[in-house]
Amino acid sequence: MFPQFNFYSTPLVILFVWGIVISGLLLIRYFKKRELSDLLLSIILIMFTYERTTYTIGFMAWYDTYPNTKVNYFLVPMMLAFGPLVYFYTKRLTSADFQFKLQHIWHFVPQLALVIIRFGIYLYDVNQDGFENVQNGVLFQSQQVQVLGIAASILTDISIAIYLILSGILTYQYKSKLNEVFSDSLKWELKWLRNFLVVFILYHLFLFVLTEIDNQIVDISYQEYWWAHLFAATSLVYLGLHGYFTDVKKLHEASIEAGTLSLSELNEEDQSTKMLNEAIVHVKEVMGSEKPYLNASLTLAQLANMTQMNSAELSQAVNQSGVNFNDFVNAYRIEAEKQAIQNGRAETITLLSIAYECGFNSKATFNRTFKKVTQKSPSEYLKSISRT
């Protein structure tokens, strides 16, 4: 009898309810603050939850209890809309001025077409004799509809792959822009943006491999597909919590500042090499005397203000030295770290604590940058100093 709560159904039910709740919270916040990313993420999560419906109610014995149920007609696959939604969510986070417009609707035409076709199938079957005595009618079970389902599945895989790749490109370009204007690349927010895409990539790869094994190698049972849906449902916990608490304002502020720089950036011919050399000398003097690199959240605009330059002039001067703003500032932090080690600071506190004092706010960034600059890890460098 429905509902049954067992090893398979219980986790999916709990996570299904969680997906609805967190989607609802995001939707409520959207109506309060009118932040488009909340609306898009809410739709993405509710869609990801909705796609678990067939398996969730199946493991709860819905189909056994109601053998003539018509629910399959209305559980239309919605993943053709998933890729565009993920792409627009990523675009919103990486571009503060992005707004959803009427011309973006065409991205959802394939999904709309599938919904219309499935509704047409229902209208046909509901008028056939004996429809009330079966679960799926004659057209729904026909070879033509089965072929349509396979074609829609292939198109969905292609669509998701394309949009995830486009979203990854947007994220990479955004991170590159941040390195031009920030000495700290918004660790928490960028990690969310990256992991947001990684979760969906892993899930679809997992499901794709299972499907190919099922089609090409050995039959995989309904129960064995449960693992893919458990992974997806579990992902909703991370996606919901992290997505709800990520401060998108920081990403938008970064986007605005990076965008302003790109719009106002000067061409090389607008400044002579001599002027650029003089500018970078002045910048280095300020870095040495006032030590602004000790500020972990130092931005290009802040340093430009200290050097009495505009952001575009400072950016061009820094780039003239062969590095971006992020690497330029981190080089000073590494030198400060090395000096502290040589002065015996590492005898009283850890290397990471020194790194925080020198302006780093991430262990991973510190280790990576130290290795890049010195060709040694921090611990290796400490040992080499100790030997001398």
Protein backbone atom coordinates (compact mmCIF):
# COMPACT_ATOMS: atom_id res chain seq x y z
CA MET A 1 0.00 0.00 0.00
CA PHE A 2 1.07 3.54 -0.71
CA PRO A 3 2.95 5.16 0.96
CA GLN A 4 5.67 2.69 1.95
CA PHE A 5 8.78 3.91 3.75
CA ASN A 6 11.72 1.62 3.27
CA PHE A 7 15.46 1.61 2.56
CA TYR A 8 14.91 3.02 -0.94
CA SER A 9 12.01 5.39 -0.45
CA THR A 10 12.77 7.05 2.89
CA PRO A 11 15.99 8.91 1.92
CA LEU A 12 14.42 10.09 -1.34
CA VAL A 13 11.29 11.34 0.44
CA ILE A 14 13.31 13.28 3.02
CA LEU A 15 15.52 14.85 0.38
CA PHE A 16 12.53 15.47 -1.90
CA VAL A 17 10.86 17.48 0.86
CA TRP A 18 14.12 19.33 1.51
CA GLY A 19 14.32 20.30 -2.15
CA ILE A 20 10.83 21.78 -2.02
CA VAL A 21 11.53 23.65 1.22
CA ILE A 22 14.82 25.25 0.15
CA SER A 23 13.35 26.14 -3.25
CA GLY A 24 10.46 27.81 -1.45
CA LEU A 25 12.83 29.79 0.80
CA LEU A 26 14.76 31.05 -2.22
CA LEU A 27 11.51 32.00 -3.94
CA ILE A 28 10.31 33.92 -0.86
CA ARG A 29 13.62 35.80 -0.74
CA TYR A 30 13.30 36.61 -4.43
CA PHE A 31 9.92 38.28 -3.88
CA LYS A 32 11.42 40.28 -1.00
CA LYS A 33 14.70 41.37 -2.63
CA ARG A 34 14.00 40.84 -6.34
CA GLU A 35 17.40 39.21 -6.88
CA LEU A 36 17.19 37.24 -10.15
CA SER A 37 19.75 34.64 -9.04
CA ASP A 38 17.43 33.56 -6.20
CA LEU A 39 14.59 32.97 -8.65
CA LEU A 40 16.79 31.04 -11.09
CA LEU A 41 18.33 28.87 -8.37
CA SER A 42 14.89 28.18 -6.91
CA ILE A 43 13.65 26.95 -10.29
CA ILE A 44 16.79 24.86 -10.84
CA LEU A 45 16.45 23.14 -7.46
CA ILE A 46 12.72 22.52 -7.76
CA MET A 47 13.29 21.08 -11.23
CA PHE A 48 16.09 18.85 -9.92
CA THR A 49 13.70 17.75 -7.16
CA TYR A 50 10.81 17.20 -9.60
CA GLU A 51 12.98 14.87 -11.73
CA ARG A 52 13.16 12.51 -8.73
CA THR A 53 9.36 12.21 -8.53
CA THR A 54 8.90 9.03 -10.58
CA TYR A 55 11.51 7.11 -8.59
CA THR A 56 10.41 8.50 -5.24
CA ILE A 57 6.73 7.56 -5.61
CA GLY A 58 7.75 4.32 -7.31
CA PHE A 59 9.76 3.15 -4.32
CA MET A 60 6.83 4.23 -2.12
CA ALA A 61 4.65 1.66 -3.99
CA TRP A 62 2.52 4.18 -5.91
CA TYR A 63 2.48 2.11 -9.11
CA ASP A 64 1.72 -1.13 -7.22
CA THR A 65 -1.12 0.48 -5.29
CA TYR A 66 -2.57 2.30 -8.30
CA PRO A 67 -1.79 0.12 -11.33
CA ASN A 68 -4.00 2.24 -13.62
CA THR A 69 -2.52 5.56 -12.53
CA LYS A 70 -2.15 8.20 -15.25
CA VAL A 71 0.60 10.08 -13.42
CA ASN A 72 3.21 9.24 -16.08
CA TYR A 73 1.46 11.50 -18.56
CA PHE A 74 2.02 14.50 -16.33
CA LEU A 75 5.54 13.73 -15.13
CA VAL A 76 7.04 15.28 -18.25
CA PRO A 77 10.87 15.31 -18.25
CA MET A 78 11.95 18.94 -17.76
CA MET A 79 15.69 18.66 -18.16
CA LEU A 80 15.69 20.34 -21.58
CA ALA A 81 15.18 23.54 -19.61
CA PHE A 82 17.86 22.67 -17.09
CA GLY A 83 20.92 23.65 -19.14
CA PRO A 84 19.65 27.14 -20.05
CA LEU A 85 18.66 27.80 -16.43
CA VAL A 86 22.13 26.85 -15.15
CA TYR A 87 23.71 29.04 -17.83
CA PHE A 88 21.54 32.06 -16.99
CA TYR A 89 22.19 31.57 -13.27
CA THR A 90 25.94 31.56 -13.90
CA LYS A 91 25.59 34.58 -16.17
CA ARG A 92 23.68 36.46 -13.50
CA LEU A 93 26.34 35.79 -10.85
CA THR A 94 29.17 36.83 -13.15
CA SER A 95 27.43 39.85 -14.64
CA ALA A 96 25.65 42.26 -12.30
CA ASP A 97 23.74 43.94 -15.13
CA PHE A 98 22.31 40.73 -16.63
CA GLN A 99 18.52 40.55 -16.68
CA PHE A 100 16.30 37.88 -18.21
CA LYS A 101 14.63 39.27 -21.32
CA LEU A 102 12.05 38.13 -23.84
CA GLN A 103 14.69 37.15 -26.41
CA HIS A 104 16.04 34.56 -23.98
CA ILE A 105 12.82 32.54 -24.26
CA TRP A 106 14.04 30.72 -27.39
CA HIS A 107 16.44 28.72 -25.19
CA PHE A 108 13.37 26.99 -23.74
CA VAL A 109 11.56 26.21 -27.02
CA PRO A 110 12.66 22.51 -27.07
CA GLN A 111 11.28 22.03 -23.55
CA LEU A 112 8.02 23.76 -24.43
CA ALA A 113 7.70 21.59 -27.55
CA LEU A 114 8.14 18.42 -25.46
CA VAL A 115 5.46 19.53 -22.99
CA ILE A 116 3.02 20.24 -25.85
CA ILE A 117 3.73 16.86 -27.49
CA ARG A 118 3.22 14.98 -24.23
CA PHE A 119 -0.06 16.82 -23.64
CA GLY A 120 -1.14 15.89 -27.17
CA ILE A 121 -0.35 12.22 -26.44
CA TYR A 122 -2.56 12.39 -23.37
CA LEU A 123 -5.43 14.00 -25.28
CA TYR A 124 -5.25 11.22 -27.86
CA ASP A 125 -5.09 8.36 -25.36
CA VAL A 126 -7.81 9.67 -23.07
CA ASN A 127 -10.28 9.34 -25.94
CA GLN A 128 -9.41 5.69 -26.68
CA ASP A 129 -11.53 2.77 -25.50
CA GLY A 130 -10.25 1.06 -22.35
CA PHE A 131 -7.99 3.93 -21.31
CA GLU A 132 -9.38 3.89 -17.77
CA ASN A 133 -8.22 0.26 -17.35
CA VAL A 134 -4.54 0.74 -18.18
CA GLN A 135 -1.64 2.77 -16.82
CA ASN A 136 -0.34 3.94 -20.19
CA GLY A 137 -2.51 4.26 -23.27
CA VAL A 138 -1.94 2.97 -26.77
CA LEU A 139 -0.12 6.02 -28.15
CA PHE A 140 2.00 6.44 -25.03
CA GLN A 141 3.20 2.84 -25.43
CA SER A 142 3.66 3.02 -29.19
CA GLN A 143 6.98 2.61 -30.99
CA GLN A 144 6.79 6.19 -32.26
CA VAL A 145 6.58 7.64 -28.75
CA GLN A 146 9.41 5.38 -27.57
CA VAL A 147 11.59 6.70 -30.39
CA LEU A 148 10.54 10.23 -29.46
CA GLY A 149 11.60 9.56 -25.87
CA ILE A 150 15.03 8.34 -26.98
CA ALA A 151 15.47 11.39 -29.24
CA ALA A 152 14.46 13.73 -26.40
CA SER A 153 16.91 12.00 -24.06
CA ILE A 154 19.78 12.41 -26.54
CA LEU A 155 18.86 16.03 -27.18
CA THR A 156 18.75 16.62 -23.40
CA ASP A 157 22.25 15.18 -22.94
CA ILE A 158 23.60 17.38 -25.75
CA SER A 159 21.82 20.46 -24.41
CA ILE A 160 23.10 19.98 -20.86
CA ALA A 161 26.66 19.37 -22.08
CA ILE A 162 26.64 22.53 -24.21
CA TYR A 163 25.20 24.78 -21.53
CA LEU A 164 27.49 23.41 -18.81
CA ILE A 165 30.49 24.08 -21.06
CA LEU A 166 29.26 27.63 -21.73
CA SER A 167 28.75 28.14 -17.99
CA GLY A 168 32.26 26.87 -17.32
CA ILE A 169 33.67 29.33 -19.86
CA LEU A 170 31.78 32.20 -18.19
CA THR A 171 33.20 31.20 -14.81
CA TYR A 172 36.76 30.97 -16.15
CA GLN A 173 36.52 34.36 -17.85
CA TYR A 174 35.07 35.89 -14.72
CA LYS A 175 37.87 34.53 -12.54
CA SER A 176 40.44 35.90 -14.99
CA LYS A 177 38.83 39.35 -14.76
CA LEU A 178 38.92 39.21 -10.97
CA ASN A 179 42.67 38.65 -11.01
CA GLU A 180 42.98 42.00 -12.76
CA VAL A 181 41.21 43.96 -10.03
CA PHE A 182 41.36 41.93 -6.80
CA SER A 183 44.23 40.63 -4.73
CA ASP A 184 41.78 38.21 -3.09
CA SER A 185 39.60 36.37 -5.60
CA LEU A 186 36.49 36.03 -3.40
CA LYS A 187 37.40 32.52 -2.28
CA TRP A 188 34.02 31.45 -0.86
CA GLU A 189 31.87 32.83 -3.67
CA LEU A 190 34.06 31.52 -6.50
CA LYS A 191 34.23 28.11 -4.82
CA TRP A 192 30.42 28.03 -4.83
CA LEU A 193 30.25 28.97 -8.50
CA ARG A 194 32.75 26.24 -9.40
CA ASN A 195 31.18 23.55 -7.22
CA PHE A 196 27.69 24.46 -8.43
CA LEU A 197 28.75 23.38 -11.92
CA VAL A 198 30.86 20.42 -10.76
CA VAL A 199 27.92 18.83 -8.91
CA PHE A 200 25.77 18.84 -12.02
CA ILE A 201 28.62 17.62 -14.23
CA LEU A 202 29.31 14.68 -11.89
CA TYR A 203 25.64 13.75 -11.66
CA HIS A 204 25.07 13.76 -15.41
CA LEU A 205 28.29 11.84 -16.03
CA PHE A 206 27.21 9.26 -13.45
CA LEU A 207 23.76 8.93 -15.01
CA PHE A 208 25.20 8.81 -18.53
CA VAL A 209 27.61 5.98 -17.59
CA LEU A 210 24.82 4.01 -15.91
CA THR A 211 22.58 4.43 -18.96
CA GLU A 212 25.31 3.34 -21.37
CA ILE A 213 26.10 0.28 -19.24
CA ASP A 214 22.38 -0.53 -19.20
CA ASN A 215 22.07 -0.12 -22.98
CA GLN A 216 25.36 -1.63 -24.11
CA ILE A 217 26.68 -4.08 -21.51
CA VAL A 218 24.27 -5.42 -18.90
CA ASP A 219 20.73 -4.66 -17.80
CA ILE A 220 20.60 -2.35 -14.78
CA SER A 221 17.56 -2.74 -12.57
CA TYR A 222 15.20 -0.04 -11.35
CA GLN A 223 16.74 -0.41 -7.88
CA GLU A 224 20.29 0.07 -9.16
CA TYR A 225 19.35 3.38 -10.75
CA TRP A 226 18.39 4.44 -7.22
CA TRP A 227 22.02 5.30 -6.50
CA ALA A 228 22.06 7.99 -9.19
CA HIS A 229 18.88 9.52 -7.81
CA LEU A 230 20.22 9.34 -4.24
CA PHE A 231 23.33 11.22 -5.41
CA ALA A 232 21.15 13.84 -7.07
CA ALA A 233 18.85 14.19 -4.07
CA THR A 234 21.80 14.42 -1.66
CA SER A 235 23.32 17.12 -3.84
CA LEU A 236 20.23 19.20 -3.15
CA VAL A 237 21.35 19.60 0.46
CA TYR A 238 24.67 21.15 -0.55
CA LEU A 239 23.26 23.17 -3.43
CA GLY A 240 20.42 24.52 -1.33
CA LEU A 241 22.46 25.50 1.72
CA HIS A 242 25.46 26.90 -0.10
CA GLY A 243 23.35 28.66 -2.70
CA TYR A 244 21.11 30.24 -0.08
CA PHE A 245 23.95 31.59 2.07
CA THR A 246 26.38 32.70 -0.66
CA ASP A 247 26.65 36.48 -0.78
CA VAL A 248 26.00 37.24 -4.44
CA LYS A 249 26.45 40.96 -3.75
CA LYS A 250 30.20 40.39 -3.54
CA LEU A 251 30.19 38.72 -6.94
CA HIS A 252 28.15 41.57 -8.40
CA GLU A 253 30.43 44.23 -6.92
CA ALA A 254 33.42 42.42 -8.37
CA SER A 255 31.71 42.18 -11.74
CA ILE A 256 30.90 45.91 -11.75
CA GLU A 257 34.46 46.90 -10.86
CA ALA A 258 35.99 44.54 -13.43
CA GLY A 259 33.50 45.74 -16.04
CA THR A 260 34.28 49.37 -15.37
CA LEU A 261 37.96 48.67 -15.83
CA SER A 262 37.46 46.88 -19.14
CA LEU A 263 35.29 49.71 -20.47
CA SER A 264 37.74 52.44 -19.53
CA GLU A 265 41.00 50.63 -20.16
CA LEU A 266 43.52 52.63 -22.16
CA ASN A 267 45.23 51.40 -25.28
CA GLU A 268 48.99 50.94 -25.18
CA GLU A 269 49.57 53.78 -27.60
CA ASP A 270 47.80 56.18 -25.22
CA GLN A 271 50.67 55.98 -22.78
CA SER A 272 54.35 55.90 -23.63
CA THR A 273 56.62 53.22 -22.24
CA LYS A 274 58.41 55.91 -20.25
CA MET A 275 55.18 57.03 -18.59
CA LEU A 276 54.28 53.43 -17.76
CA ASN A 277 57.72 52.79 -16.28
CA GLU A 278 57.42 55.91 -14.15
CA ALA A 279 53.98 54.81 -13.02
CA ILE A 280 55.10 51.34 -11.94
CA VAL A 281 58.07 52.82 -10.07
CA HIS A 282 55.66 55.02 -8.16
CA VAL A 283 53.37 52.07 -7.45
CA LYS A 284 56.29 50.03 -6.12
CA GLU A 285 57.30 52.91 -3.85
CA VAL A 286 53.80 52.98 -2.37
CA MET A 287 53.79 49.19 -1.97
CA GLY A 288 57.12 49.38 -0.13
CA SER A 289 56.35 52.33 2.10
CA GLU A 290 52.66 51.89 2.94
CA LYS A 291 52.43 48.10 2.58
CA PRO A 292 48.85 47.98 1.25
CA TYR A 293 49.36 44.30 0.38
CA LEU A 294 48.83 43.49 4.07
CA ASN A 295 45.14 44.18 3.42
CA ALA A 296 43.80 40.76 2.37
CA SER A 297 40.92 42.32 0.41
CA LEU A 298 42.99 44.95 -1.42
CA THR A 299 41.45 45.91 -4.77
CA LEU A 300 42.78 47.65 -7.84
CA ALA A 301 40.54 50.65 -7.13
CA GLN A 302 41.86 50.98 -3.58
CA LEU A 303 45.50 50.88 -4.69
CA ALA A 304 44.74 53.30 -7.53
CA ASN A 305 43.35 55.73 -4.98
CA MET A 306 46.49 55.40 -2.84
CA THR A 307 48.76 56.04 -5.83
CA GLN A 308 46.54 58.87 -7.13
CA MET A 309 45.96 57.06 -10.44
CA ASN A 310 42.79 55.77 -12.06
CA SER A 311 42.14 52.04 -12.24
CA ALA A 312 42.85 51.79 -15.96
CA GLU A 313 46.22 53.55 -15.66
CA LEU A 314 47.24 51.37 -12.71
CA SER A 315 46.13 48.20 -14.47
CA GLN A 316 48.14 49.06 -17.56
CA ALA A 317 51.20 49.92 -15.48
CA VAL A 318 50.98 46.62 -13.59
CA ASN A 319 50.43 44.64 -16.79
CA GLN A 320 53.46 46.35 -18.28
CA SER A 321 55.54 44.52 -15.68
CA GLY A 322 54.29 41.20 -17.08
CA VAL A 323 51.82 40.11 -14.38
CA ASN A 324 48.21 40.71 -13.45
CA PHE A 325 47.15 42.65 -10.36
CA ASN A 326 46.60 39.53 -8.25
CA ASP A 327 50.09 38.15 -8.95
CA PHE A 328 51.65 41.59 -8.51
CA VAL A 329 50.26 41.99 -4.97
CA ASN A 330 50.87 38.37 -3.97
CA ALA A 331 54.55 38.71 -4.90
CA TYR A 332 54.89 41.36 -2.18
CA ARG A 333 53.14 39.10 0.29
CA ILE A 334 55.54 36.28 -0.50
CA GLU A 335 58.51 38.58 0.00
CA ALA A 336 57.06 39.65 3.36
CA GLU A 337 56.64 35.97 4.29
CA LYS A 338 60.23 35.18 3.32
CA GLN A 339 61.52 38.13 5.30
CA ALA A 340 59.55 37.06 8.36
CA ILE A 341 60.96 33.53 8.09
CA GLN A 342 64.50 34.84 7.77
CA ASN A 343 63.94 36.99 10.85
CA GLY A 344 62.98 33.95 12.90
CA ARG A 345 59.23 34.62 13.02
CA ALA A 346 58.55 30.96 12.18
CA GLU A 347 60.09 29.94 15.51
CA THR A 348 57.11 31.35 17.40
CA ILE A 349 54.12 30.94 15.05
CA THR A 350 53.20 28.75 12.08
CA LEU A 351 54.00 29.56 8.47
CA LEU A 352 50.27 29.87 7.77
CA SER A 353 49.85 32.38 10.59
CA ILE A 354 52.65 34.44 9.08
CA ALA A 355 50.90 34.20 5.71
CA TYR A 356 47.72 35.63 7.20
CA GLU A 357 49.75 38.49 8.69
CA CYS A 358 51.23 39.15 5.25
CA GLY A 359 47.84 39.52 3.56
CA PHE A 360 46.87 36.00 2.47
CA ASN A 361 43.48 34.70 3.56
CA SER A 362 43.62 31.21 2.10
CA LYS A 363 46.02 28.36 2.84
CA ALA A 364 45.63 26.96 -0.68
CA THR A 365 46.36 30.32 -2.33
CA PHE A 366 49.37 30.87 -0.06
CA ASN A 367 50.90 27.45 -0.79
CA ARG A 368 50.26 27.71 -4.51
CA THR A 369 51.64 31.25 -4.79
CA PHE A 370 54.70 30.52 -2.63
CA LYS A 371 55.58 27.53 -4.81
CA LYS A 372 55.04 29.58 -7.97
CA VAL A 373 57.31 32.42 -6.80
CA THR A 374 60.09 30.50 -5.01
CA GLN A 375 59.90 27.08 -6.72
CA LYS A 376 59.70 25.62 -3.21
CA SER A 377 56.91 24.84 -0.77
CA PRO A 378 56.83 26.98 2.39
CA SER A 379 58.14 24.10 4.51
CA GLU A 380 60.93 23.39 2.01
CA TYR A 381 61.91 27.04 2.05
CA LEU A 382 61.96 27.04 5.88
CA LYS A 383 64.26 23.99 5.89
CA SER A 384 66.60 25.63 3.37
CA ILE A 385 66.83 28.72 5.59
CA SER A 386 67.47 26.56 8.66
CA ARG A 387 70.34 24.76 6.96
CA THR A 388 72.08 28.03 6.19
